[in-house]
Amino acid sequence: VFARIRSLVTKPEALRSGISPSDAAMTLGIAPAMAKEHLLTAESKGLLCRDVSPDGFRFYVNLFPEIDPRDVYLVKEYGICSTWIKAVSTTG
């Protein structure tokens, strides 16, 4: 389940706008409530970060493990952080 969630949140559109429990439910073929539980568990394991707004929960891939605390401005040429920067920098 977590591999499928990671695959979902690393798609370019999800890197830009995150995923909702409904998005995950459609991909996983389960009820939205169960998908939300899976997303919260993935968050507790450090795979995802969550944003809560009046529109509901949105989950994003957790970029923090790739950030070097000694050089927070360093962006490596590889990894999810680099992929995220490319995804949010493109328009369309």
PDB file of N, CA and C in Angstrom:
ATOM      1  N   VAL A   1       0.833  -1.196   0.000  1.00  0.00           N
ATOM      2  CA  VAL A   1       0.000   0.000   0.000  1.00  0.00           C
ATOM      3  C   VAL A   1       0.876   1.258   0.000  1.00  0.00           C
ATOM      4  N   PHE A   2       1.937   1.264   0.822  1.00  0.00           N
ATOM      5  CA  PHE A   2       2.770   2.465   0.901  1.00  0.00           C
ATOM      6  C   PHE A   2       3.540   2.705  -0.399  1.00  0.00           C
ATOM      7  N   ALA A   3       3.932   1.652  -1.078  1.00  0.00           N
ATOM      8  CA  ALA A   3       4.605   1.809  -2.377  1.00  0.00           C
ATOM      9  C   ALA A   3       3.655   2.437  -3.388  1.00  0.00           C
ATOM     10  N   ARG A   4       2.394   2.027  -3.373  1.00  0.00           N
ATOM     11  CA  ARG A   4       1.412   2.597  -4.290  1.00  0.00           C
ATOM     12  C   ARG A   4       1.124   4.060  -3.945  1.00  0.00           C
ATOM     13  N   ILE A   5       1.076   4.374  -2.649  1.00  0.00           N
ATOM     14  CA  ILE A   5       0.866   5.761  -2.226  1.00  0.00           C
ATOM     15  C   ILE A   5       2.053   6.615  -2.656  1.00  0.00           C
ATOM     16  N   ARG A   6       3.268   6.104  -2.446  1.00  0.00           N
ATOM     17  CA  ARG A   6       4.466   6.862  -2.852  1.00  0.00           C
ATOM     18  C   ARG A   6       4.460   7.096  -4.361  1.00  0.00           C
ATOM     19  N   SER A   7       4.075   6.095  -5.117  1.00  0.00           N
ATOM     20  CA  SER A   7       3.987   6.244  -6.565  1.00  0.00           C
ATOM     21  C   SER A   7       2.972   7.321  -6.938  1.00  0.00           C
ATOM     22  N   LEU A   8       1.864   7.349  -6.227  1.00  0.00           N
ATOM     23  CA  LEU A   8       0.817   8.336  -6.492  1.00  0.00           C
ATOM     24  C   LEU A   8       1.281   9.754  -6.173  1.00  0.00           C
ATOM     25  N   VAL A   9       1.928   9.952  -5.012  1.00  0.00           N
ATOM     26  CA  VAL A   9       2.314  11.311  -4.608  1.00  0.00           C
ATOM     27  C   VAL A   9       3.541  11.831  -5.337  1.00  0.00           C
ATOM     28  N   THR A  10       4.229  10.982  -6.087  1.00  0.00           N
ATOM     29  CA  THR A  10       5.397  11.459  -6.837  1.00  0.00           C
ATOM     30  C   THR A  10       5.083  11.739  -8.299  1.00  0.00           C
ATOM     31  N   LYS A  11       3.829  11.618  -8.687  1.00  0.00           N
ATOM     32  CA  LYS A  11       3.430  12.014 -10.042  1.00  0.00           C
ATOM     33  C   LYS A  11       3.453  13.537 -10.117  1.00  0.00           C
ATOM     34  N   PRO A  12       3.786  14.097 -11.297  1.00  0.00           N
ATOM     35  CA  PRO A  12       3.928  15.562 -11.402  1.00  0.00           C
ATOM     36  C   PRO A  12       2.737  16.361 -10.862  1.00  0.00           C
ATOM     37  N   GLU A  13       1.519  15.965 -11.188  1.00  0.00           N
ATOM     38  CA  GLU A  13       0.349  16.714 -10.695  1.00  0.00           C
ATOM     39  C   GLU A  13       0.253  16.651  -9.170  1.00  0.00           C
ATOM     40  N   ALA A  14       0.526  15.489  -8.590  1.00  0.00           N
ATOM     41  CA  ALA A  14       0.474  15.346  -7.138  1.00  0.00           C
ATOM     42  C   ALA A  14       1.611  16.110  -6.467  1.00  0.00           C
ATOM     43  N   LEU A  15       2.761  16.205  -7.128  1.00  0.00           N
ATOM     44  CA  LEU A  15       3.859  16.996  -6.570  1.00  0.00           C
ATOM     45  C   LEU A  15       3.462  18.463  -6.488  1.00  0.00           C
ATOM     46  N   ARG A  16       2.633  18.916  -7.421  1.00  0.00           N
ATOM     47  CA  ARG A  16       2.181  20.313  -7.407  1.00  0.00           C
ATOM     48  C   ARG A  16       1.047  20.544  -6.415  1.00  0.00           C
ATOM     49  N   SER A  17       0.061  19.660  -6.406  1.00  0.00           N
ATOM     50  CA  SER A  17      -1.137  19.955  -5.620  1.00  0.00           C
ATOM     51  C   SER A  17      -1.474  18.929  -4.540  1.00  0.00           C
ATOM     52  N   GLY A  18      -0.642  17.918  -4.375  1.00  0.00           N
ATOM     53  CA  GLY A  18      -0.900  16.915  -3.350  1.00  0.00           C
ATOM     54  C   GLY A  18      -2.031  15.981  -3.751  1.00  0.00           C
ATOM     55  N   ILE A  19      -2.383  15.092  -2.845  1.00  0.00           N
ATOM     56  CA  ILE A  19      -3.495  14.168  -3.083  1.00  0.00           C
ATOM     57  C   ILE A  19      -4.459  14.219  -1.916  1.00  0.00           C
ATOM     58  N   SER A  20      -5.693  13.943  -2.198  1.00  0.00           N
ATOM     59  CA  SER A  20      -6.725  13.883  -1.165  1.00  0.00           C
ATOM     60  C   SER A  20      -6.991  12.413  -0.846  1.00  0.00           C
ATOM     61  N   PRO A  21      -7.676  12.144   0.240  1.00  0.00           N
ATOM     62  CA  PRO A  21      -8.080  10.764   0.498  1.00  0.00           C
ATOM     63  C   PRO A  21      -8.927  10.191  -0.638  1.00  0.00           C
ATOM     64  N   SER A  22      -9.729  11.019  -1.289  1.00  0.00           N
ATOM     65  CA  SER A  22     -10.528  10.545  -2.427  1.00  0.00           C
ATOM     66  C   SER A  22      -9.643  10.125  -3.593  1.00  0.00           C
ATOM     67  N   ASP A  23      -8.579  10.903  -3.851  1.00  0.00           N
ATOM     68  CA  ASP A  23      -7.625  10.539  -4.909  1.00  0.00           C
ATOM     69  C   ASP A  23      -6.994   9.188  -4.608  1.00  0.00           C
ATOM     70  N   ALA A  24      -6.559   9.022  -3.374  1.00  0.00           N
ATOM     71  CA  ALA A  24      -5.929   7.762  -2.969  1.00  0.00           C
ATOM     72  C   ALA A  24      -6.927   6.615  -3.036  1.00  0.00           C
ATOM     73  N   ALA A  25      -8.169   6.882  -2.654  1.00  0.00           N
ATOM     74  CA  ALA A  25      -9.198   5.832  -2.678  1.00  0.00           C
ATOM     75  C   ALA A  25      -9.416   5.313  -4.089  1.00  0.00           C
ATOM     76  N   MET A  26      -9.463   6.210  -5.054  1.00  0.00           N
ATOM     77  CA  MET A  26      -9.658   5.785  -6.441  1.00  0.00           C
ATOM     78  C   MET A  26      -8.479   4.942  -6.921  1.00  0.00           C
ATOM     79  N   THR A  27      -7.270   5.365  -6.588  1.00  0.00           N
ATOM     80  CA  THR A  27      -6.078   4.631  -7.015  1.00  0.00           C
ATOM     81  C   THR A  27      -5.973   3.272  -6.329  1.00  0.00           C
ATOM     82  N   LEU A  28      -6.262   3.244  -5.035  1.00  0.00           N
ATOM     83  CA  LEU A  28      -6.125   2.009  -4.263  1.00  0.00           C
ATOM     84  C   LEU A  28      -7.346   1.103  -4.369  1.00  0.00           C
ATOM     85  N   GLY A  29      -8.454   1.646  -4.862  1.00  0.00           N
ATOM     86  CA  GLY A  29      -9.678   0.855  -4.978  1.00  0.00           C
ATOM     87  C   GLY A  29     -10.315   0.527  -3.642  1.00  0.00           C
ATOM     88  N   ILE A  30     -10.239   1.506  -2.716  1.00  0.00           N
ATOM     89  CA  ILE A  30     -10.818   1.313  -1.387  1.00  0.00           C
ATOM     90  C   ILE A  30     -11.674   2.530  -1.029  1.00  0.00           C
ATOM     91  N   ALA A  31     -12.361   2.447   0.103  1.00  0.00           N
ATOM     92  CA  ALA A  31     -13.207   3.554   0.564  1.00  0.00           C
ATOM     93  C   ALA A  31     -12.343   4.748   0.976  1.00  0.00           C
ATOM     94  N   PRO A  32     -12.850   5.983   0.778  1.00  0.00           N
ATOM     95  CA  PRO A  32     -12.089   7.170   1.167  1.00  0.00           C
ATOM     96  C   PRO A  32     -11.666   7.184   2.638  1.00  0.00           C
ATOM     97  N   ALA A  33     -12.502   6.699   3.525  1.00  0.00           N
ATOM     98  CA  ALA A  33     -12.138   6.677   4.943  1.00  0.00           C
ATOM     99  C   ALA A  33     -10.938   5.766   5.190  1.00  0.00           C
ATOM    100  N   MET A  34     -10.910   4.623   4.521  1.00  0.00           N
ATOM    101  CA  MET A  34      -9.778   3.703   4.663  1.00  0.00           C
ATOM    102  C   MET A  34      -8.532   4.314   4.016  1.00  0.00           C
ATOM    103  N   ALA A  35      -8.696   4.981   2.875  1.00  0.00           N
ATOM    104  CA  ALA A  35      -7.570   5.642   2.211  1.00  0.00           C
ATOM    105  C   ALA A  35      -6.980   6.721   3.117  1.00  0.00           C
ATOM    106  N   LYS A  36      -7.850   7.481   3.794  1.00  0.00           N
ATOM    107  CA  LYS A  36      -7.370   8.517   4.710  1.00  0.00           C
ATOM    108  C   LYS A  36      -6.544   7.897   5.823  1.00  0.00           C
ATOM    109  N   GLU A  37      -6.969   6.762   6.346  1.00  0.00           N
ATOM    110  CA  GLU A  37      -6.206   6.068   7.387  1.00  0.00           C
ATOM    111  C   GLU A  37      -4.842   5.630   6.867  1.00  0.00           C
ATOM    112  N   HIS A  38      -4.803   5.118   5.641  1.00  0.00           N
ATOM    113  CA  HIS A  38      -3.520   4.728   5.047  1.00  0.00           C
ATOM    114  C   HIS A  38      -2.613   5.945   4.873  1.00  0.00           C
ATOM    115  N   LEU A  39      -3.179   7.063   4.433  1.00  0.00           N
ATOM    116  CA  LEU A  39      -2.397   8.287   4.257  1.00  0.00           C
ATOM    117  C   LEU A  39      -1.867   8.803   5.595  1.00  0.00           C
ATOM    118  N   LEU A  40      -2.690   8.766   6.622  1.00  0.00           N
ATOM    119  CA  LEU A  40      -2.242   9.194   7.954  1.00  0.00           C
ATOM    120  C   LEU A  40      -1.142   8.278   8.482  1.00  0.00           C
ATOM    121  N   THR A  41      -1.250   6.985   8.216  1.00  0.00           N
ATOM    122  CA  THR A  41      -0.203   6.043   8.635  1.00  0.00           C
ATOM    123  C   THR A  41       1.085   6.319   7.867  1.00  0.00           C
ATOM    124  N   ALA A  42       0.976   6.590   6.561  1.00  0.00           N
ATOM    125  CA  ALA A  42       2.152   6.927   5.764  1.00  0.00           C
ATOM    126  C   ALA A  42       2.796   8.220   6.292  1.00  0.00           C
ATOM    127  N   GLU A  43       1.964   9.147   6.735  1.00  0.00           N
ATOM    128  CA  GLU A  43       2.492  10.377   7.339  1.00  0.00           C
ATOM    129  C   GLU A  43       3.238  10.054   8.629  1.00  0.00           C
ATOM    130  N   SER A  44       2.680   9.200   9.460  1.00  0.00           N
ATOM    131  CA  SER A  44       3.333   8.856  10.732  1.00  0.00           C
ATOM    132  C   SER A  44       4.663   8.138  10.515  1.00  0.00           C
ATOM    133  N   LYS A  45       4.835   7.486   9.376  1.00  0.00           N
ATOM    134  CA  LYS A  45       6.088   6.819   9.036  1.00  0.00           C
ATOM    135  C   LYS A  45       7.072   7.754   8.342  1.00  0.00           C
ATOM    136  N   GLY A  46       6.670   9.017   8.118  1.00  0.00           N
ATOM    137  CA  GLY A  46       7.551  10.001   7.516  1.00  0.00           C
ATOM    138  C   GLY A  46       7.544  10.024   6.000  1.00  0.00           C
ATOM    139  N   LEU A  47       6.628   9.298   5.367  1.00  0.00           N
ATOM    140  CA  LEU A  47       6.566   9.280   3.909  1.00  0.00           C
ATOM    141  C   LEU A  47       5.849  10.492   3.342  1.00  0.00           C
ATOM    142  N   LEU A  48       4.881  11.020   4.085  1.00  0.00           N
ATOM    143  CA  LEU A  48       4.042  12.122   3.616  1.00  0.00           C
ATOM    144  C   LEU A  48       4.023  13.261   4.620  1.00  0.00           C
ATOM    145  N   CYS A  49       3.641  14.433   4.135  1.00  0.00           N
ATOM    146  CA  CYS A  49       3.316  15.588   4.973  1.00  0.00           C
ATOM    147  C   CYS A  49       1.880  15.967   4.656  1.00  0.00           C
ATOM    148  N   ARG A  50       1.191  16.548   5.610  1.00  0.00           N
ATOM    149  CA  ARG A  50      -0.227  16.851   5.441  1.00  0.00           C
ATOM    150  C   ARG A  50      -0.486  18.345   5.539  1.00  0.00           C
ATOM    151  N   ASP A  51      -1.464  18.782   4.773  1.00  0.00           N
ATOM    152  CA  ASP A  51      -1.972  20.143   4.845  1.00  0.00           C
ATOM    153  C   ASP A  51      -3.463  20.033   5.105  1.00  0.00           C
ATOM    154  N   VAL A  52      -3.927  20.739   6.120  1.00  0.00           N
ATOM    155  CA  VAL A  52      -5.353  20.729   6.436  1.00  0.00           C
ATOM    156  C   VAL A  52      -5.887  22.135   6.184  1.00  0.00           C
ATOM    157  N   SER A  53      -6.919  22.217   5.357  1.00  0.00           N
ATOM    158  CA  SER A  53      -7.523  23.505   5.027  1.00  0.00           C
ATOM    159  C   SER A  53      -9.039  23.346   5.085  1.00  0.00           C
ATOM    160  N   PRO A  54      -9.777  24.429   4.876  1.00  0.00           N
ATOM    161  CA  PRO A  54     -11.239  24.292   4.840  1.00  0.00           C
ATOM    162  C   PRO A  54     -11.711  23.317   3.765  1.00  0.00           C
ATOM    163  N   ASP A  55     -10.878  23.095   2.740  1.00  0.00           N
ATOM    164  CA  ASP A  55     -11.227  22.147   1.683  1.00  0.00           C
ATOM    165  C   ASP A  55     -10.951  20.697   2.076  1.00  0.00           C
ATOM    166  N   GLY A  56     -10.306  20.493   3.216  1.00  0.00           N
ATOM    167  CA  GLY A  56     -10.022  19.133   3.680  1.00  0.00           C
ATOM    168  C   GLY A  56      -8.532  18.840   3.722  1.00  0.00           C
ATOM    169  N   PHE A  57      -8.214  17.558   3.832  1.00  0.00           N
ATOM    170  CA  PHE A  57      -6.832  17.105   3.920  1.00  0.00           C
ATOM    171  C   PHE A  57      -6.220  16.983   2.530  1.00  0.00           C
ATOM    172  N   ARG A  58      -4.961  17.399   2.387  1.00  0.00           N
ATOM    173  CA  ARG A  58      -4.158  17.140   1.185  1.00  0.00           C
ATOM    174  C   ARG A  58      -2.829  16.603   1.687  1.00  0.00           C
ATOM    175  N   PHE A  59      -2.331  15.597   1.037  1.00  0.00           N
ATOM    176  CA  PHE A  59      -1.074  14.984   1.429  1.00  0.00           C
ATOM    177  C   PHE A  59      -0.045  15.179   0.328  1.00  0.00           C
ATOM    178  N   TYR A  60       1.182  15.423   0.757  1.00  0.00           N
ATOM    179  CA  TYR A  60       2.301  15.669  -0.149  1.00  0.00           C
ATOM    180  C   TYR A  60       3.447  14.747   0.226  1.00  0.00           C
ATOM    181  N   VAL A  61       4.311  14.469  -0.748  1.00  0.00           N
ATOM    182  CA  VAL A  61       5.499  13.681  -0.457  1.00  0.00           C
ATOM    183  C   VAL A  61       6.358  14.479   0.528  1.00  0.00           C
ATOM    184  N   ASN A  62       6.961  13.785   1.469  1.00  0.00           N
ATOM    185  CA  ASN A  62       7.796  14.427   2.481  1.00  0.00           C
ATOM    186  C   ASN A  62       9.186  14.681   1.906  1.00  0.00           C
ATOM    187  N   LEU A  63       9.524  15.940   1.691  1.00  0.00           N
ATOM    188  CA  LEU A  63      10.821  16.316   1.141  1.00  0.00           C
ATOM    189  C   LEU A  63      11.896  16.492   2.212  1.00  0.00           C
ATOM    190  N   PHE A  64      11.503  16.603   3.461  1.00  0.00           N
ATOM    191  CA  PHE A  64      12.443  16.919   4.527  1.00  0.00           C
ATOM    192  C   PHE A  64      13.581  15.920   4.703  1.00  0.00           C
ATOM    193  N   PRO A  65      13.372  14.608   4.522  1.00  0.00           N
ATOM    194  CA  PRO A  65      14.507  13.682   4.693  1.00  0.00           C
ATOM    195  C   PRO A  65      15.662  13.940   3.723  1.00  0.00           C
ATOM    196  N   GLU A  66      15.400  14.571   2.590  1.00  0.00           N
ATOM    197  CA  GLU A  66      16.455  14.832   1.615  1.00  0.00           C
ATOM    198  C   GLU A  66      17.198  16.143   1.862  1.00  0.00           C
ATOM    199  N   ILE A  67      16.728  16.942   2.793  1.00  0.00           N
ATOM    200  CA  ILE A  67      17.358  18.234   3.055  1.00  0.00           C
ATOM    201  C   ILE A  67      18.506  18.049   4.035  1.00  0.00           C
ATOM    202  N   ASP A  68      19.667  18.536   3.650  1.00  0.00           N
ATOM    203  CA  ASP A  68      20.857  18.477   4.501  1.00  0.00           C
ATOM    204  C   ASP A  68      20.811  19.671   5.458  1.00  0.00           C
ATOM    205  N   PRO A  69      20.716  19.425   6.764  1.00  0.00           N
ATOM    206  CA  PRO A  69      20.615  20.555   7.706  1.00  0.00           C
ATOM    207  C   PRO A  69      21.846  21.461   7.706  1.00  0.00           C
ATOM    208  N   ARG A  70      22.976  20.964   7.201  1.00  0.00           N
ATOM    209  CA  ARG A  70      24.185  21.791   7.138  1.00  0.00           C
ATOM    210  C   ARG A  70      24.172  22.726   5.936  1.00  0.00           C
ATOM    211  N   ASP A  71      23.318  22.418   4.944  1.00  0.00           N
ATOM    212  CA  ASP A  71      23.225  23.261   3.747  1.00  0.00           C
ATOM    213  C   ASP A  71      21.799  23.164   3.202  1.00  0.00           C
ATOM    214  N   VAL A  72      20.883  23.858   3.851  1.00  0.00           N
ATOM    215  CA  VAL A  72      19.467  23.747   3.500  1.00  0.00           C
ATOM    216  C   VAL A  72      19.150  24.270   2.107  1.00  0.00           C
ATOM    217  N   TYR A  73      20.061  25.036   1.509  1.00  0.00           N
ATOM    218  CA  TYR A  73      19.818  25.586   0.175  1.00  0.00           C
ATOM    219  C   TYR A  73      20.363  24.695  -0.940  1.00  0.00           C
ATOM    220  N   LEU A  74      21.068  23.636  -0.585  1.00  0.00           N
ATOM    221  CA  LEU A  74      21.619  22.723  -1.576  1.00  0.00           C
ATOM    222  C   LEU A  74      20.509  21.877  -2.176  1.00  0.00           C
ATOM    223  N   VAL A  75      20.377  21.928  -3.485  1.00  0.00           N
ATOM    224  CA  VAL A  75      19.412  21.084  -4.186  1.00  0.00           C
ATOM    225  C   VAL A  75      20.217  20.109  -5.030  1.00  0.00           C
ATOM    226  N   LYS A  76      20.109  18.848  -4.706  1.00  0.00           N
ATOM    227  CA  LYS A  76      20.836  17.820  -5.451  1.00  0.00           C
ATOM    228  C   LYS A  76      20.205  17.659  -6.832  1.00  0.00           C
ATOM    229  N   GLU A  77      20.986  17.163  -7.756  1.00  0.00           N
ATOM    230  CA  GLU A  77      20.522  16.956  -9.129  1.00  0.00           C
ATOM    231  C   GLU A  77      19.640  15.724  -9.258  1.00  0.00           C
ATOM    232  N   TYR A  78      19.452  14.990  -8.205  1.00  0.00           N
ATOM    233  CA  TYR A  78      18.681  13.751  -8.218  1.00  0.00           C
ATOM    234  C   TYR A  78      17.773  13.732  -6.985  1.00  0.00           C
ATOM    235  N   GLY A  79      16.887  12.778  -6.943  1.00  0.00           N
ATOM    236  CA  GLY A  79      16.019  12.615  -5.784  1.00  0.00           C
ATOM    237  C   GLY A  79      14.677  13.303  -5.953  1.00  0.00           C
ATOM    238  N   ILE A  80      13.845  13.096  -4.968  1.00  0.00           N
ATOM    239  CA  ILE A  80      12.471  13.598  -5.031  1.00  0.00           C
ATOM    240  C   ILE A  80      12.430  15.117  -4.927  1.00  0.00           C
ATOM    241  N   CYS A  81      13.357  15.708  -4.207  1.00  0.00           N
ATOM    242  CA  CYS A  81      13.382  17.171  -4.070  1.00  0.00           C
ATOM    243  C   CYS A  81      13.617  17.819  -5.440  1.00  0.00           C
ATOM    244  N   SER A  82      14.572  17.294  -6.183  1.00  0.00           N
ATOM    245  CA  SER A  82      14.847  17.796  -7.523  1.00  0.00           C
ATOM    246  C   SER A  82      13.642  17.592  -8.441  1.00  0.00           C
ATOM    247  N   THR A  83      13.010  16.450  -8.348  1.00  0.00           N
ATOM    248  CA  THR A  83      11.811  16.155  -9.148  1.00  0.00           C
ATOM    249  C   THR A  83      10.688  17.122  -8.791  1.00  0.00           C
ATOM    250  N   TRP A  84      10.527  17.403  -7.489  1.00  0.00           N
ATOM    251  CA  TRP A  84       9.488  18.328  -7.037  1.00  0.00           C
ATOM    252  C   TRP A  84       9.737  19.724  -7.609  1.00  0.00           C
ATOM    253  N   ILE A  85      10.985  20.182  -7.565  1.00  0.00           N
ATOM    254  CA  ILE A  85      11.302  21.521  -8.075  1.00  0.00           C
ATOM    255  C   ILE A  85      10.963  21.598  -9.559  1.00  0.00           C
ATOM    256  N   LYS A  86      11.308  20.576 -10.324  1.00  0.00           N
ATOM    257  CA  LYS A  86      10.993  20.566 -11.757  1.00  0.00           C
ATOM    258  C   LYS A  86       9.474  20.587 -11.982  1.00  0.00           C
ATOM    259  N   ALA A  87       8.728  19.826 -11.163  1.00  0.00           N
ATOM    260  CA  ALA A  87       7.271  19.741 -11.335  1.00  0.00           C
ATOM    261  C   ALA A  87       6.583  21.054 -11.018  1.00  0.00           C
ATOM    262  N   VAL A  88       7.007  21.725  -9.960  1.00  0.00           N
ATOM    263  CA  VAL A  88       6.333  22.969  -9.590  1.00  0.00           C
ATOM    264  C   VAL A  88       6.818  24.142 -10.424  1.00  0.00           C
ATOM    265  N   SER A  89       7.950  23.980 -11.091  1.00  0.00           N
ATOM    266  CA  SER A  89       8.477  25.065 -11.926  1.00  0.00           C
ATOM    267  C   SER A  89       7.841  25.079 -13.313  1.00  0.00           C
ATOM    268  N   THR A  90       7.286  23.954 -13.749  1.00  0.00           N
ATOM    269  CA  THR A  90       6.664  23.895 -15.067  1.00  0.00           C
ATOM    270  C   THR A  90       5.224  24.349 -14.972  1.00  0.00           C
ATOM    271  N   THR A  91       4.772  24.977 -15.993  1.00  0.00           N
ATOM    272  CA  THR A  91       3.370  25.398 -16.042  1.00  0.00           C
ATOM    273  C   THR A  91       2.637  24.497 -17.006  1.00  0.00           C
ATOM    274  N   GLY A  92       1.379  24.323 -16.760  1.00  0.00           N
ATOM    275  CA  GLY A  92       0.609  23.549 -17.716  1.00  0.00           C
ATOM    276  C   GLY A  92      -0.201  22.583 -17.046  1.00  0.00           C
TER     277      GLY A  92
END
